[in-house]
Protein backbone atom coordinates (compact mmCIF):
# COMPACT_ATOMS: atom_id res chain seq x y z
CA MET A 1 -48.42 -9.75 -60.74
CA SER A 2 -50.41 -10.27 -57.62
CA ASN A 3 -53.77 -12.04 -57.92
CA LEU A 4 -55.13 -10.07 -54.96
CA SER A 5 -57.98 -7.89 -55.98
CA ALA A 6 -57.91 -4.26 -55.03
CA ILE A 7 -60.14 -3.41 -52.06
CA ASN A 8 -62.75 -0.91 -52.90
CA TYR A 9 -63.47 1.57 -50.10
CA THR A 10 -66.90 2.92 -50.65
CA PRO A 11 -68.04 6.16 -49.02
CA THR A 12 -70.22 4.08 -46.68
CA ILE A 13 -67.28 1.97 -45.45
CA ILE A 14 -65.15 5.05 -44.92
CA ALA A 15 -67.96 6.84 -43.12
CA ASN A 16 -68.56 3.84 -40.83
CA GLN A 17 -64.87 3.74 -39.95
CA LEU A 18 -64.83 7.45 -39.25
CA VAL A 19 -67.90 7.11 -37.04
CA SER A 20 -66.18 4.29 -35.14
CA ASN A 21 -63.16 6.51 -34.66
CA LEU A 22 -65.41 9.30 -33.41
CA ASN A 23 -66.94 6.97 -30.81
CA THR A 24 -63.47 5.96 -29.65
CA ASP A 25 -62.46 9.61 -29.39
CA GLN A 26 -65.59 10.36 -27.36
CA THR A 27 -64.84 7.48 -24.98
CA GLN A 28 -61.27 8.67 -24.51
CA GLN A 29 -62.44 12.23 -23.90
CA SER A 30 -64.96 11.05 -21.34
CA GLN A 31 -62.31 8.94 -19.56
CA LEU A 32 -59.88 11.86 -19.45
CA GLU A 33 -62.57 14.21 -18.15
CA THR A 34 -63.43 11.71 -15.40
CA GLN A 35 -59.77 11.33 -14.48
CA LEU A 36 -59.31 15.08 -14.24
CA SER A 37 -62.45 15.52 -12.13
CA THR A 38 -61.63 12.66 -9.72
CA GLY A 39 -57.86 12.95 -9.73
CA THR A 40 -57.54 9.17 -10.20
CA LEU A 41 -56.59 7.09 -13.23
CA VAL A 42 -58.61 4.00 -12.35
CA ASN A 43 -62.27 4.85 -11.77
CA SER A 44 -63.62 1.44 -12.77
CA PRO A 45 -61.97 -1.96 -13.23
CA SER A 46 -62.33 -1.68 -17.00
CA ASP A 47 -60.08 1.39 -17.06
CA ASN A 48 -57.04 -0.79 -16.25
CA PRO A 49 -57.79 -4.30 -14.94
CA ALA A 50 -54.21 -4.97 -13.79
CA ALA A 51 -53.92 -1.66 -11.97
CA ALA A 52 -57.40 -2.10 -10.48
CA SER A 53 -56.37 -5.46 -9.04
CA SER A 54 -53.18 -3.99 -7.55
CA LEU A 55 -55.11 -1.07 -6.09
CA MET A 56 -57.66 -3.38 -4.46
CA SER A 57 -54.86 -5.30 -2.78
CA LEU A 58 -53.07 -2.12 -1.69
CA ASP A 59 -56.31 -0.57 -0.41
CA SER A 60 -57.00 -3.67 1.66
CA THR A 61 -53.51 -3.57 3.15
CA LEU A 62 -53.83 0.17 3.79
CA SER A 63 -57.14 -0.35 5.57
CA ARG A 64 -55.56 -2.93 7.91
CA THR A 65 -52.56 -0.68 8.50
CA GLN A 66 -54.79 2.27 9.34
CA GLN A 67 -56.65 0.10 11.85
CA TYR A 68 -53.34 -0.94 13.43
CA LEU A 69 -52.37 2.73 13.65
CA THR A 70 -55.71 3.63 15.24
CA ASN A 71 -55.27 0.81 17.75
CA ALA A 72 -51.69 1.80 18.54
CA ASN A 73 -52.56 5.47 19.00
CA ASP A 74 -55.41 4.47 21.29
CA GLY A 75 -53.02 2.25 23.22
CA VAL A 76 -50.52 5.09 23.53
CA GLY A 77 -53.26 7.23 25.05
CA TRP A 78 -54.24 4.53 27.54
CA LEU A 79 -50.67 3.76 28.55
CA SER A 80 -49.62 7.40 28.82
CA LEU A 81 -52.52 8.10 31.16
CA GLY A 82 -51.96 4.86 33.08
CA THR A 83 -48.27 5.58 33.63
CA SER A 84 -48.85 9.15 34.76
CA THR A 85 -51.67 8.00 37.06
CA LEU A 86 -49.49 5.41 38.77
CA ASN A 87 -46.73 7.97 39.20
CA SER A 88 -49.29 10.16 40.97
CA VAL A 89 -50.33 7.20 43.14
CA ILE A 90 -46.71 6.61 44.10
CA THR A 91 -46.23 10.28 45.02
CA THR A 92 -49.39 10.26 47.15
CA LEU A 93 -48.40 7.06 48.96
CA GLN A 94 -44.88 8.34 49.62
CA GLN A 95 -46.36 11.48 51.19
CA ALA A 96 -48.52 9.29 53.44
CA GLN A 97 -45.47 7.22 54.31
CA GLN A 98 -43.44 10.30 55.17
CA SER A 99 -46.21 11.78 57.32
CA VAL A 100 -46.00 8.74 59.61
CA GLN A 101 -42.21 8.39 59.45
CA ALA A 102 -41.85 12.01 60.55
CA LEU A 103 -43.44 11.20 63.89
CA SER A 104 -41.64 9.38 66.66
CA GLY A 105 -43.40 7.13 69.12
CA ASN A 106 -43.10 9.72 71.86
CA THR A 107 -44.60 12.42 69.71
CA LEU A 108 -47.50 10.21 68.79
CA THR A 109 -48.31 9.34 72.40
CA GLY A 110 -47.79 12.87 73.64
CA SER A 111 -49.61 14.96 71.07
CA GLN A 112 -53.23 14.51 70.07
CA ALA A 113 -52.78 17.31 67.53
CA ALA A 114 -50.02 15.33 65.82
CA ILE A 115 -52.22 12.25 65.72
CA THR A 116 -55.20 14.20 64.36
CA GLY A 117 -53.05 15.85 61.70
CA THR A 118 -51.52 12.54 60.61
CA VAL A 119 -54.94 10.89 60.40
CA ALA A 120 -56.23 13.75 58.24
CA GLN A 121 -53.20 13.39 55.95
CA LEU A 122 -53.71 9.62 55.65
CA GLN A 123 -57.44 9.99 54.96
CA SER A 124 -56.71 12.56 52.28
CA SER A 125 -54.13 10.21 50.75
CA MET A 126 -56.55 7.30 50.72
CA SER A 127 -59.24 9.44 49.08
CA GLU A 128 -56.75 10.60 46.45
CA VAL A 129 -55.59 7.05 45.73
CA LEU A 130 -59.21 5.92 45.36
CA ASN A 131 -59.88 8.73 42.89
CA LEU A 132 -56.75 7.83 40.92
CA ALA A 133 -57.77 4.15 40.92
CA ASN A 134 -60.99 5.20 39.16
CA THR A 135 -59.22 7.20 36.44
CA THR A 136 -60.99 6.83 33.11
CA TYR A 137 -59.91 7.02 29.48
CA GLY A 138 -62.94 7.90 27.43
CA ASN A 139 -65.77 6.04 29.15
CA GLN A 140 -63.66 3.17 30.50
CA ALA A 141 -62.01 2.99 33.90
CA ILE A 142 -58.42 2.12 33.02
CA PHE A 143 -57.92 -0.23 35.98
CA ALA A 144 -61.30 -1.99 35.66
CA GLY A 145 -60.06 -4.70 33.29
CA THR A 146 -62.43 -5.81 30.56
CA GLY A 147 -65.43 -5.47 32.84
CA ASN A 148 -66.54 -2.42 30.82
CA VAL A 149 -67.57 -0.43 33.88
CA ALA A 150 -67.27 3.28 34.55
CA GLN A 151 -65.60 2.60 37.91
CA ALA A 152 -62.91 0.17 39.00
CA TYR A 153 -63.64 0.68 42.71
CA ASP A 154 -66.73 1.60 44.69
CA SER A 155 -66.78 4.34 47.32
CA SER A 156 -65.62 1.88 50.00
CA GLY A 157 -62.57 0.86 47.97
CA ASN A 158 -63.92 -2.53 46.87
CA TYR A 159 -62.89 -3.65 43.37
CA ILE A 160 -65.87 -3.85 41.02
CA GLY A 161 -64.02 -4.38 37.75
CA GLY A 162 -63.47 -7.75 36.15
CA GLY A 163 -61.68 -9.80 33.54
CA SER A 164 -58.15 -9.26 32.30
CA ALA A 165 -56.37 -6.09 31.22
CA PRO A 166 -57.66 -4.69 27.89
CA THR A 167 -55.43 -5.12 24.84
CA ARG A 168 -54.98 -3.71 21.34
CA THR A 169 -53.82 -5.48 18.18
CA VAL A 170 -51.10 -3.29 16.68
CA ALA A 171 -49.56 -5.53 13.99
CA PRO A 172 -50.21 -8.95 12.45
CA GLY A 173 -50.14 -11.39 15.36
CA VAL A 174 -49.10 -8.72 17.87
CA THR A 175 -51.43 -7.78 20.74
CA LEU A 176 -50.30 -5.59 23.62
CA PRO A 177 -51.98 -4.74 26.96
CA VAL A 178 -52.94 -1.09 27.36
CA ALA A 179 -53.52 -1.09 31.12
CA ALA A 180 -53.29 -3.17 34.28
CA THR A 181 -56.13 -4.45 36.42
CA GLY A 182 -56.87 -2.90 39.79
CA PRO A 183 -55.79 -5.98 41.79
CA ALA A 184 -52.46 -6.09 39.93
CA VAL A 185 -51.76 -2.47 40.90
CA PHE A 186 -53.46 -1.93 44.23
CA GLY A 187 -53.51 -5.49 45.55
CA THR A 188 -56.35 -7.25 47.37
CA GLY A 189 -57.48 -8.02 50.89
CA THR A 190 -55.33 -7.01 53.86
CA SER A 191 -52.25 -6.58 51.68
CA GLY A 192 -54.08 -4.33 49.21
CA LEU A 193 -54.06 -0.56 49.47
CA LEU A 194 -57.81 0.01 49.30
CA GLY A 195 -60.92 -1.39 50.93
CA PRO A 196 -62.16 -1.63 54.54
CA THR A 197 -59.32 -4.02 55.49
CA GLY A 198 -56.67 -2.54 53.20
CA VAL A 199 -53.27 -1.15 54.18
CA LEU A 200 -54.31 2.50 54.16
CA GLN A 201 -57.44 1.98 56.25
CA THR A 202 -55.52 -0.18 58.72
CA LEU A 203 -52.85 2.50 59.03
CA ILE A 204 -55.50 5.17 59.62
CA THR A 205 -57.25 3.06 62.26
CA ASP A 206 -54.06 2.30 64.16
CA VAL A 207 -52.92 5.93 64.21
CA GLN A 208 -56.40 7.14 65.13
CA THR A 209 -56.66 4.64 68.02
CA GLY A 210 -53.64 6.33 69.53
CA THR A 211 -52.57 3.70 72.05
CA PRO A 212 -48.89 2.89 72.42
CA ALA A 213 -49.47 -0.56 70.93
CA SER A 214 -51.49 0.69 67.95
CA LEU A 215 -49.05 3.51 67.27
CA LYS A 216 -46.13 1.11 67.38
CA LYS A 217 -47.95 -1.17 64.92
CA ALA A 218 -48.62 1.82 62.65
CA TYR A 219 -44.96 2.81 62.68
CA THR A 220 -43.64 -0.70 62.06
CA THR A 221 -45.95 -3.34 60.63
CA ASP A 222 -48.30 -0.96 58.82
CA LEU A 223 -45.51 1.13 57.30
CA SER A 224 -43.80 -2.05 56.13
CA ALA A 225 -47.01 -3.14 54.41
CA LEU A 226 -47.34 0.29 52.85
CA GLY A 227 -43.76 0.08 51.60
CA SER A 228 -44.50 -3.27 49.97
CA ALA A 229 -47.61 -1.83 48.34
CA ILE A 230 -45.61 1.09 46.98
CA THR A 231 -43.09 -1.34 45.49
CA THR A 232 -45.94 -3.18 43.74
CA VAL A 233 -47.28 0.06 42.24
CA GLU A 234 -43.77 1.04 41.13
CA GLY A 235 -43.40 -2.31 39.41
CA GLN A 236 -46.67 -1.88 37.54
CA ALA A 237 -45.71 1.68 36.57
CA ALA A 238 -42.49 0.31 35.08
CA VAL A 239 -44.45 -2.34 33.15
CA LEU A 240 -46.84 0.25 31.73
CA GLY A 241 -43.94 2.53 30.87
CA ALA A 242 -42.23 -0.24 28.91
CA SER A 243 -45.51 -1.08 27.18
CA TYR A 244 -45.89 2.59 26.29
CA GLN A 245 -42.51 2.58 24.55
CA ARG A 246 -43.42 -0.56 22.59
CA MET A 247 -46.83 0.83 21.68
CA GLN A 248 -45.27 4.08 20.47
CA ALA A 249 -42.83 2.10 18.33
CA PHE A 250 -45.70 0.19 16.70
CA ALA A 251 -47.57 3.46 16.13
CA ASN A 252 -44.51 4.86 14.35
CA GLN A 253 -44.16 1.66 12.36
CA ALA A 254 -47.80 1.79 11.26
CA THR A 255 -47.45 5.47 10.33
CA SER A 256 -44.45 4.71 8.12
CA ALA A 257 -46.23 1.77 6.51
CA GLN A 258 -49.32 3.90 5.87
CA THR A 259 -47.23 6.61 4.21
CA ALA A 260 -45.43 4.05 2.03
CA LEU A 261 -48.71 2.45 0.94
CA GLN A 262 -50.29 5.81 0.15
CA THR A 263 -47.24 6.73 -1.95
CA GLN A 264 -47.48 3.42 -3.80
CA ILE A 265 -51.19 3.89 -4.46
CA SER A 266 -50.58 7.44 -5.64
CA SER A 267 -47.90 6.30 -8.07
CA ILE A 268 -50.39 3.91 -9.66
CA ASP A 269 -53.60 5.90 -9.51
CA SER A 270 -52.86 9.62 -9.35
CA VAL A 271 -53.50 11.71 -12.45
CA ASN A 272 -50.75 13.84 -13.96
CA VAL A 273 -52.98 16.88 -14.41
CA ALA A 274 -50.77 18.68 -16.94
CA GLN A 275 -50.35 15.58 -19.06
CA ALA A 276 -54.02 14.63 -18.90
CA THR A 277 -55.11 18.18 -19.77
CA THR A 278 -52.83 18.26 -22.81
CA GLN A 279 -54.08 14.84 -23.90
CA LEU A 280 -57.69 15.96 -23.51
CA VAL A 281 -57.10 18.98 -25.72
CA GLN A 282 -55.51 16.72 -28.33
CA GLU A 283 -58.43 14.31 -28.19
CA GLN A 284 -60.89 17.18 -28.57
CA ASN A 285 -59.01 18.48 -31.61
CA THR A 286 -58.90 15.00 -33.11
CA TYR A 287 -62.61 14.62 -32.49
CA GLN A 288 -63.42 17.92 -34.18
CA THR A 289 -61.27 16.97 -37.16
CA GLY A 290 -63.01 13.61 -37.35
CA LEU A 291 -66.41 15.29 -37.31
CA TRP A 292 -65.42 17.52 -40.20
CA ALA A 293 -63.98 14.62 -42.21
CA THR A 294 -67.06 12.48 -41.65
CA ALA A 295 -69.33 15.28 -42.74
CA GLN A 296 -67.48 15.53 -46.04
CA ILE A 297 -68.07 11.89 -46.97
CA GLU A 298 -71.82 12.11 -47.34
CA GLN A 299 -73.36 15.12 -45.74
CA HIS A 300 -76.96 14.16 -46.29
CA SER A 301 -76.56 10.82 -44.44
CA LEU A 302 -74.18 11.86 -41.67
CA VAL A 303 -76.87 11.73 -39.00
CA SER A 304 -77.58 8.08 -39.75
CA TYR A 305 -73.94 7.19 -39.33
CA LEU A 306 -73.76 8.93 -36.00
């Protein structure tokens, strides 16, 4: 025979236990209702400490990834515009080059109309190149460097930007340029395209002067300088085009990483609505049954237990 004494469960003990069960049921109901209303399983760290910790880490990683994606998309915009702008510059310069190449020395010396027409074409080309050099993305001139100015060049063709080419961080430890500076594209001084002593202005002056010597210089030395300047712009266009491809690849990479992280977060934190709804109904039924059972223990003192 066992020496253990039988445990006597008084109505008070049973009622207290039932009340405790009712409180637990209420807490579970409240948690399920919150989950259904928010669509998430973890609404406070106490809901699931381990899951909450994982979600904090994933959210932090997702935030960084979203910033990389924003940076990469911004870079794609800059580089797309920069590449298309330089292609337009090249087209404009080639037209200026062809307008001079189409004229022979005899034609230049013998026809003031030809000279006047060529000068007008060159002036139009220089104006167009200057406008393209001041192309902006948002509120920033794309060839102004990090000088944060609305214009890269003033109306005379002088560079007023500054600093290096702007960059964007698109992955851990990876920073890419999103533009080129004006001097890198258009050159400087007498070998540069723009400005009072630039290639285009020199070409215009020599053609406009109209003497045999100045016309010969325009057709030889000046056109050679223009050809070199075009080669420089073509080189920078190729660099920006390659950077565009890299930037697009990082944008795609960040998009894929963002999708994967969101899927992982969803697998941890998303509520199965059908399952949670069924569980809530069960908890409500259990709670109602518990209320009835508690009331039967000692009806006159039920309020005190609750």
